[in-house]
Protein backbone atom coordinates (compact mmCIF):
# COMPACT_ATOMS: atom_id res chain seq x y z
CA MET A 1 -8.14 18.50 -2.99
CA THR A 2 -6.82 15.91 -5.29
CA LEU A 3 -5.48 12.91 -4.19
CA LEU A 4 -2.03 11.76 -5.96
CA LEU A 5 -1.19 8.08 -6.21
CA SER A 6 2.09 6.86 -7.28
CA GLY A 7 2.84 3.71 -8.76
CA SER A 8 4.45 2.32 -5.51
CA ASP A 9 1.19 3.70 -3.73
CA LEU A 10 -1.02 1.77 -6.02
CA SER A 11 1.30 -1.21 -5.39
CA GLN A 12 0.60 -1.14 -1.59
CA LEU A 13 -3.36 -0.59 -2.42
CA LEU A 14 -4.37 -3.08 -4.86
CA ASP A 15 -4.89 -6.68 -4.67
CA VAL A 16 -5.74 -9.13 -7.08
CA THR A 17 -9.19 -10.38 -5.78
CA SER A 18 -10.53 -6.95 -5.13
CA CYS A 19 -9.55 -5.92 -8.73
CA LEU A 20 -10.86 -9.14 -10.23
CA ASN A 21 -14.33 -8.57 -8.69
CA ALA A 22 -14.28 -4.95 -9.82
CA ILE A 23 -13.49 -5.77 -13.51
CA ARG A 24 -15.84 -8.64 -13.38
CA ASP A 25 -18.66 -6.29 -12.13
CA GLY A 26 -17.69 -4.09 -14.93
CA PHE A 27 -18.11 -6.40 -17.75
CA THR A 28 -21.64 -7.32 -16.37
CA ALA A 29 -22.94 -3.83 -15.78
CA VAL A 30 -25.54 -2.43 -17.68
CA SER A 31 -23.98 0.01 -20.64
CA SER A 32 -23.88 3.67 -20.18
CA GLY A 33 -24.88 3.97 -23.88
CA ILE A 34 -22.14 6.34 -24.42
CA GLU A 35 -19.64 5.17 -26.86
CA ALA A 36 -15.89 4.34 -25.64
CA GLN A 37 -13.19 6.75 -27.39
CA ARG A 38 -9.67 5.46 -27.87
CA VAL A 39 -7.27 7.80 -29.49
CA SER A 40 -3.79 6.99 -30.67
CA THR A 41 -1.57 9.12 -32.68
CA ALA A 42 2.03 8.57 -33.90
CA LEU A 43 4.67 11.07 -32.28
CA PRO A 44 8.10 12.33 -34.26
CA GLY A 45 10.38 9.83 -33.22
CA PRO A 46 9.65 6.18 -31.47
CA GLY A 47 6.84 7.13 -29.43
CA SER A 48 2.96 7.45 -29.82
CA ALA A 49 0.40 9.51 -27.58
CA THR A 50 -3.37 7.59 -26.58
CA ALA A 51 -6.17 9.16 -24.70
CA LEU A 52 -9.20 6.82 -23.47
CA ILE A 53 -12.33 8.45 -22.66
CA PRO A 54 -14.79 8.39 -20.83
CA GLY A 55 -14.33 5.80 -18.20
CA LEU A 56 -17.88 4.91 -17.02
CA VAL A 57 -19.28 2.17 -15.00
CA GLU A 58 -22.87 2.05 -13.68
CA GLY A 59 -22.99 2.55 -10.00
CA ILE A 60 -19.73 4.39 -9.66
CA PRO A 61 -20.05 8.17 -9.22
CA ALA A 62 -17.01 9.03 -11.06
CA TYR A 63 -15.48 8.95 -14.33
CA THR A 64 -11.85 8.49 -15.91
CA VAL A 65 -9.89 10.28 -18.62
CA LYS A 66 -6.58 8.49 -19.49
CA VAL A 67 -3.54 10.08 -21.20
CA ASN A 68 -0.69 7.92 -22.13
CA ALA A 69 2.84 8.14 -23.92
CA LYS A 70 4.12 4.99 -25.27
CA PHE A 71 7.45 4.37 -25.82
CA PRO A 72 8.41 0.75 -26.39
CA ALA A 73 12.11 0.90 -25.89
CA SER A 74 11.55 2.81 -22.43
CA ARG A 75 11.09 1.16 -19.11
CA PRO A 76 8.35 1.52 -18.21
CA ALA A 77 7.13 1.45 -21.79
CA LEU A 78 3.85 3.17 -21.01
CA ARG A 79 3.90 6.70 -18.78
CA GLY A 80 1.03 8.88 -18.10
CA VAL A 81 -1.98 9.53 -15.66
CA VAL A 82 -5.37 8.43 -15.43
CA CYS A 83 -7.78 11.50 -14.04
CA LEU A 84 -10.52 10.33 -11.97
CA HIS A 85 -13.47 13.01 -11.79
CA ASP A 86 -16.59 13.21 -9.65
CA ILE A 87 -19.35 12.47 -12.15
CA ALA A 88 -21.67 15.16 -10.51
CA SER A 89 -19.30 18.04 -10.28
CA GLY A 90 -16.11 17.14 -12.35
CA GLU A 91 -14.02 17.76 -9.39
CA LEU A 92 -10.55 15.89 -9.90
CA LEU A 93 -10.78 13.46 -7.17
CA ALA A 94 -7.37 11.64 -8.10
CA LEU A 95 -4.46 11.43 -10.17
CA LEU A 96 -2.87 7.99 -10.63
CA ASP A 97 0.04 6.49 -12.36
CA SER A 98 -1.25 5.26 -15.63
CA ALA A 99 1.39 2.61 -15.97
CA THR A 100 0.14 0.72 -12.92
CA VAL A 101 -3.33 1.19 -13.50
CA THR A 102 -3.14 0.01 -17.04
CA ALA A 103 -1.06 -3.22 -16.24
CA TRP A 104 -3.47 -4.24 -13.70
CA ARG A 105 -6.50 -3.59 -15.47
CA THR A 106 -5.46 -5.38 -18.80
CA GLY A 107 -3.83 -8.23 -16.98
CA LEU A 108 -6.71 -8.79 -14.89
CA ALA A 109 -9.10 -8.35 -17.55
CA ALA A 110 -7.19 -10.65 -19.67
CA ALA A 111 -6.88 -13.29 -16.86
CA ILE A 112 -11.06 -13.36 -16.54
CA GLY A 113 -11.30 -13.58 -20.32
CA THR A 114 -8.85 -16.37 -20.30
CA ASP A 115 -10.44 -18.37 -17.53
CA ALA A 116 -14.02 -17.84 -19.11
CA MET A 117 -12.90 -19.14 -22.63
CA ALA A 118 -10.33 -22.06 -22.04
CA GLY A 119 -11.11 -25.67 -21.15
CA SER A 120 -11.78 -26.22 -17.45
CA ALA A 121 -8.89 -28.54 -17.17
CA ALA A 122 -6.16 -26.33 -19.09
CA GLY A 123 -3.55 -25.91 -16.87
CA THR A 124 -0.39 -25.68 -19.13
CA VAL A 125 0.28 -21.89 -19.72
CA ALA A 126 2.73 -20.47 -22.35
CA VAL A 127 3.61 -16.89 -22.03
CA ILE A 128 5.08 -15.02 -25.14
CA GLY A 129 6.57 -11.62 -24.06
CA ALA A 130 7.62 -11.86 -20.54
CA GLY A 131 6.81 -8.43 -19.23
CA THR A 132 4.77 -6.78 -16.57
CA GLN A 133 1.61 -7.35 -18.36
CA ALA A 134 1.93 -11.13 -18.84
CA GLY A 135 2.89 -11.34 -14.89
CA LEU A 136 -0.34 -9.83 -14.05
CA VAL A 137 -2.19 -12.02 -16.48
CA LEU A 138 -0.47 -14.88 -14.71
CA ARG A 139 -1.21 -13.65 -11.19
CA GLY A 140 -5.11 -13.27 -12.04
CA LEU A 141 -5.38 -16.55 -13.58
CA LYS A 142 -3.73 -18.23 -10.71
CA ALA A 143 -6.39 -16.79 -8.48
CA LEU A 144 -9.22 -18.20 -10.91
CA ARG A 145 -7.55 -21.77 -11.66
CA LEU A 146 -4.90 -24.11 -11.19
CA VAL A 147 -1.64 -23.48 -13.23
CA ASP A 148 0.38 -26.59 -13.45
CA ARG A 149 2.95 -25.79 -15.75
CA LEU A 150 4.64 -22.60 -17.36
CA VAL A 151 6.45 -22.31 -20.61
CA VAL A 152 8.06 -18.84 -21.37
CA CYS A 153 9.45 -17.37 -24.69
CA ASP A 154 10.75 -13.64 -24.93
CA VAL A 155 13.18 -11.90 -27.06
CA ASP A 156 15.71 -11.42 -24.40
CA PRO A 157 16.43 -14.81 -22.70
CA ALA A 158 17.77 -13.49 -19.24
CA ARG A 159 14.46 -11.74 -18.92
CA GLY A 160 12.58 -14.89 -19.64
CA SER A 161 14.36 -16.93 -17.37
CA SER A 162 13.82 -14.32 -14.78
CA PHE A 163 10.11 -14.32 -15.53
CA ALA A 164 10.10 -17.93 -15.18
CA ALA A 165 11.82 -17.93 -11.55
CA VAL A 166 9.26 -15.35 -10.29
CA HIS A 167 6.09 -17.29 -11.71
CA ALA A 168 6.71 -20.76 -11.87
CA GLY A 169 5.50 -21.31 -8.40
CA GLY A 170 8.06 -23.50 -7.19
CA ARG A 171 7.83 -25.74 -10.28
CA THR A 172 10.30 -26.02 -13.07
CA ALA A 173 9.34 -23.73 -15.99
CA VAL A 174 10.50 -24.57 -19.65
CA ILE A 175 12.16 -21.83 -21.77
CA ALA A 176 11.14 -21.95 -25.40
CA ALA A 177 13.10 -20.67 -28.20
CA ASP A 178 10.44 -19.05 -30.11
CA ALA A 179 6.69 -18.31 -30.13
CA ARG A 180 5.85 -21.56 -31.99
CA GLU A 181 7.50 -23.77 -29.79
CA ALA A 182 6.16 -22.15 -26.59
CA ALA A 183 2.48 -22.70 -28.04
CA ARG A 184 2.97 -26.22 -29.45
CA ASP A 185 1.69 -28.01 -26.31
CA ALA A 186 0.14 -25.38 -24.27
CA ASP A 187 -3.46 -25.32 -23.21
CA ILE A 188 -3.30 -21.71 -22.73
CA VAL A 189 -1.06 -19.20 -24.68
CA ILE A 190 -0.65 -15.49 -23.30
CA VAL A 191 0.72 -13.46 -25.76
CA ALA A 192 1.66 -9.68 -24.70
CA THR A 193 4.18 -8.13 -26.98
CA TRP A 194 4.88 -5.07 -29.31
CA SER A 195 5.33 -7.08 -32.25
CA ARG A 196 4.13 -5.93 -35.71
CA VAL A 197 4.14 -9.12 -37.35
CA PRO A 198 2.52 -12.13 -36.56
CA LEU A 199 4.00 -14.51 -34.25
CA LEU A 200 1.21 -17.51 -34.33
CA ASP A 201 0.00 -18.84 -37.33
CA ASP A 202 -3.07 -21.65 -37.89
CA GLY A 203 -1.82 -24.98 -36.71
CA ASP A 204 0.82 -23.76 -34.22
CA MET A 205 -1.67 -24.78 -31.28
CA GLY A 206 -3.21 -28.28 -30.65
CA PRO A 207 -6.84 -28.93 -30.41
CA GLY A 208 -8.59 -27.16 -27.84
CA ALA A 209 -6.12 -24.29 -27.00
CA HIS A 210 -6.88 -20.90 -25.99
CA VAL A 211 -4.93 -17.82 -26.80
CA THR A 212 -5.37 -14.37 -25.17
CA ALA A 213 -3.39 -11.74 -27.30
CA LEU A 214 -2.73 -8.15 -25.61
CA GLY A 215 -0.31 -6.35 -28.11
CA ALA A 216 -2.87 -5.78 -30.97
CA ASP A 217 -4.28 -2.44 -29.17
CA GLU A 218 -3.60 0.16 -32.08
CA PRO A 219 -3.40 -0.08 -35.71
CA GLY A 220 -0.54 -1.89 -37.22
CA LYS A 221 0.46 -4.17 -34.20
CA THR A 222 -0.32 -7.65 -34.65
CA GLU A 223 0.36 -10.99 -33.04
CA LEU A 224 -1.87 -13.62 -34.63
CA SER A 225 -2.22 -14.34 -38.35
CA ALA A 226 -5.41 -13.75 -40.05
CA ALA A 227 -5.41 -17.61 -40.79
CA LEU A 228 -5.51 -18.22 -37.28
CA LEU A 229 -8.24 -15.58 -36.64
CA ARG A 230 -10.30 -17.25 -39.29
CA SER A 231 -9.96 -20.77 -38.04
CA ALA A 232 -10.61 -19.85 -34.29
CA ARG A 233 -13.60 -18.80 -32.28
CA VAL A 234 -12.67 -15.20 -31.49
CA ILE A 235 -14.01 -13.00 -28.74
CA VAL A 236 -13.28 -9.32 -28.31
CA ASP A 237 -13.97 -6.71 -25.49
CA ASP A 238 -15.32 -4.02 -28.15
CA THR A 239 -16.33 -5.16 -31.61
CA ARG A 240 -16.22 -1.57 -32.88
CA LEU A 241 -12.45 -1.15 -31.63
CA ALA A 242 -11.45 -4.41 -32.44
CA VAL A 243 -12.09 -3.34 -36.18
CA THR A 244 -10.71 0.05 -35.77
CA SER A 245 -7.60 -0.18 -33.48
CA GLY A 246 -7.60 -4.02 -32.72
CA ALA A 247 -6.50 -7.67 -33.94
CA LEU A 248 -9.55 -7.83 -36.42
CA GLY A 249 -8.56 -4.81 -38.18
CA THR A 250 -4.94 -5.30 -38.44
CA ALA A 251 -5.66 -8.72 -40.04
CA GLY A 252 -7.98 -7.21 -42.34
CA LEU A 253 -10.95 -8.99 -41.04
CA SER A 254 -14.47 -7.78 -39.94
CA ALA A 255 -16.52 -7.46 -37.12
CA GLY A 256 -18.60 -10.60 -38.36
CA ASP A 257 -15.32 -12.70 -37.66
CA ALA A 258 -16.00 -12.09 -33.80
CA ALA A 259 -18.13 -14.29 -31.95
CA GLY A 260 -18.98 -11.82 -29.74
CA THR A 261 -17.71 -9.96 -26.64
CA LEU A 262 -16.38 -10.94 -23.40
CA ALA A 263 -19.31 -9.28 -21.54
CA ASP A 264 -21.65 -11.51 -23.66
CA VAL A 265 -19.76 -14.75 -22.56
CA LEU A 266 -19.63 -13.38 -18.66
CA ARG A 267 -23.62 -12.55 -18.87
CA GLY A 268 -24.06 -15.99 -20.60
CA THR A 269 -25.69 -14.91 -23.65
CA VAL A 270 -22.53 -16.01 -25.96
CA PRO A 271 -20.42 -19.17 -25.27
CA GLY A 272 -16.86 -18.88 -24.64
CA ARG A 273 -16.31 -22.09 -26.40
CA THR A 274 -18.69 -24.64 -28.15
CA SER A 275 -16.29 -27.37 -28.07
CA ASP A 276 -13.52 -29.36 -26.40
CA SER A 277 -11.52 -29.41 -29.35
CA GLU A 278 -11.91 -25.79 -30.68
CA ILE A 279 -9.38 -23.02 -30.71
CA THR A 280 -10.45 -19.96 -28.92
CA ILE A 281 -8.97 -16.53 -28.84
CA TYR A 282 -9.44 -13.58 -26.59
CA ALA A 283 -8.25 -10.49 -28.34
CA PRO A 284 -8.91 -7.28 -26.36
CA VAL A 285 -8.02 -3.88 -27.05
CA GLY A 286 -8.60 -2.37 -23.57
CA LEU A 287 -11.58 -0.28 -22.64
CA PRO A 288 -11.72 3.18 -20.61
CA TRP A 289 -14.11 1.73 -18.02
CA GLN A 290 -11.58 -0.70 -16.91
CA ASP A 291 -9.40 2.64 -15.88
CA LEU A 292 -12.37 3.38 -13.86
CA ALA A 293 -12.76 0.08 -12.44
CA LEU A 294 -9.14 -0.07 -10.88
CA ALA A 295 -9.02 3.57 -10.13
CA TRP A 296 -12.12 3.78 -8.19
CA THR A 297 -11.26 0.84 -6.33
CA ALA A 298 -7.66 2.21 -5.56
CA TYR A 299 -9.11 5.55 -4.77
CA GLN A 300 -11.49 4.00 -2.21
CA GLN A 301 -8.85 1.97 -0.72
CA ALA A 302 -6.25 4.74 -0.33
CA LEU A 303 -8.76 6.79 1.48
CA ARG A 304 -9.42 4.07 4.11
CA ALA A 305 -5.54 3.64 4.54
CA GLY A 306 -4.44 7.17 4.31
CA ILE A 307 -2.17 6.67 1.46
CA GLY A 308 -1.48 9.37 -1.23
CA ARG A 309 -0.69 12.95 -1.25
CA HIS A 310 -3.33 15.64 -1.29
CA PHE A 311 -2.77 18.51 -3.54
CA ASP A 312 -4.87 21.54 -4.17
CA PHE A 313 -4.50 22.51 -8.14
CA LEU A 314 -7.04 25.43 -7.68
CA ALA A 315 -5.07 27.04 -4.95
């Protein structure tokens, strides 16, 4: 029997602390030695199709295959399923809504990376792109450190204001007119957009600022200029994918322009920053094992709580 878990089911099951722990454990786990595959192709019209395989984490007796349709003008913009399989038999244990899994795993992984690389006293956060993804980064970041000031910028001012009202935590948030204004005085900048032109350039942030840029997850998407990436200390989640599908490749940079991976930082083999004045950037693409970390956590909690619908595909 396969357990079907909808977006609303997952919203009941997932909690920030458990998911942060699962993702951190995944970053520090021993590699399976199997190369992650991320395949994306444009479709006729405004969308693209993406598949991520295989999701593997040491100690979890399952793997994932994720299939997404990406349509930026739709709400949600990402639709699809995460298939959770038993690693010994291939049994399809669960089908999970991929929009929810992806938002949670990407947002919380970004929160871990941001916290690991930003200065210890950094508390002013600018959000560029006021969507679900940025909201989950903030939720995760608030569980890891104090956020004492919020600046929001979005192409839709009403959405930016709504985001600020939800996430300011009772404090007054600043609504910025553009990305550069938002980033100017921020300690931490979260960029989560569909942009195909750079939104931030070298000199747009003050000394010691940290930027986490989530949008460059396939060729052609870009949020940061090549000059900014060259001038900063850049950490990625996977060096090969950062060049073939992520921020480095889109900017014409190479693997040598990354100081290391977030796994290196969390294991203590590479520093997240080398000085208080250094500008740092975390530019992930998103990895299949993160889907497994979230899917397995949700699946175990669903079994305990009796949430979801069982379906027999073999009947």
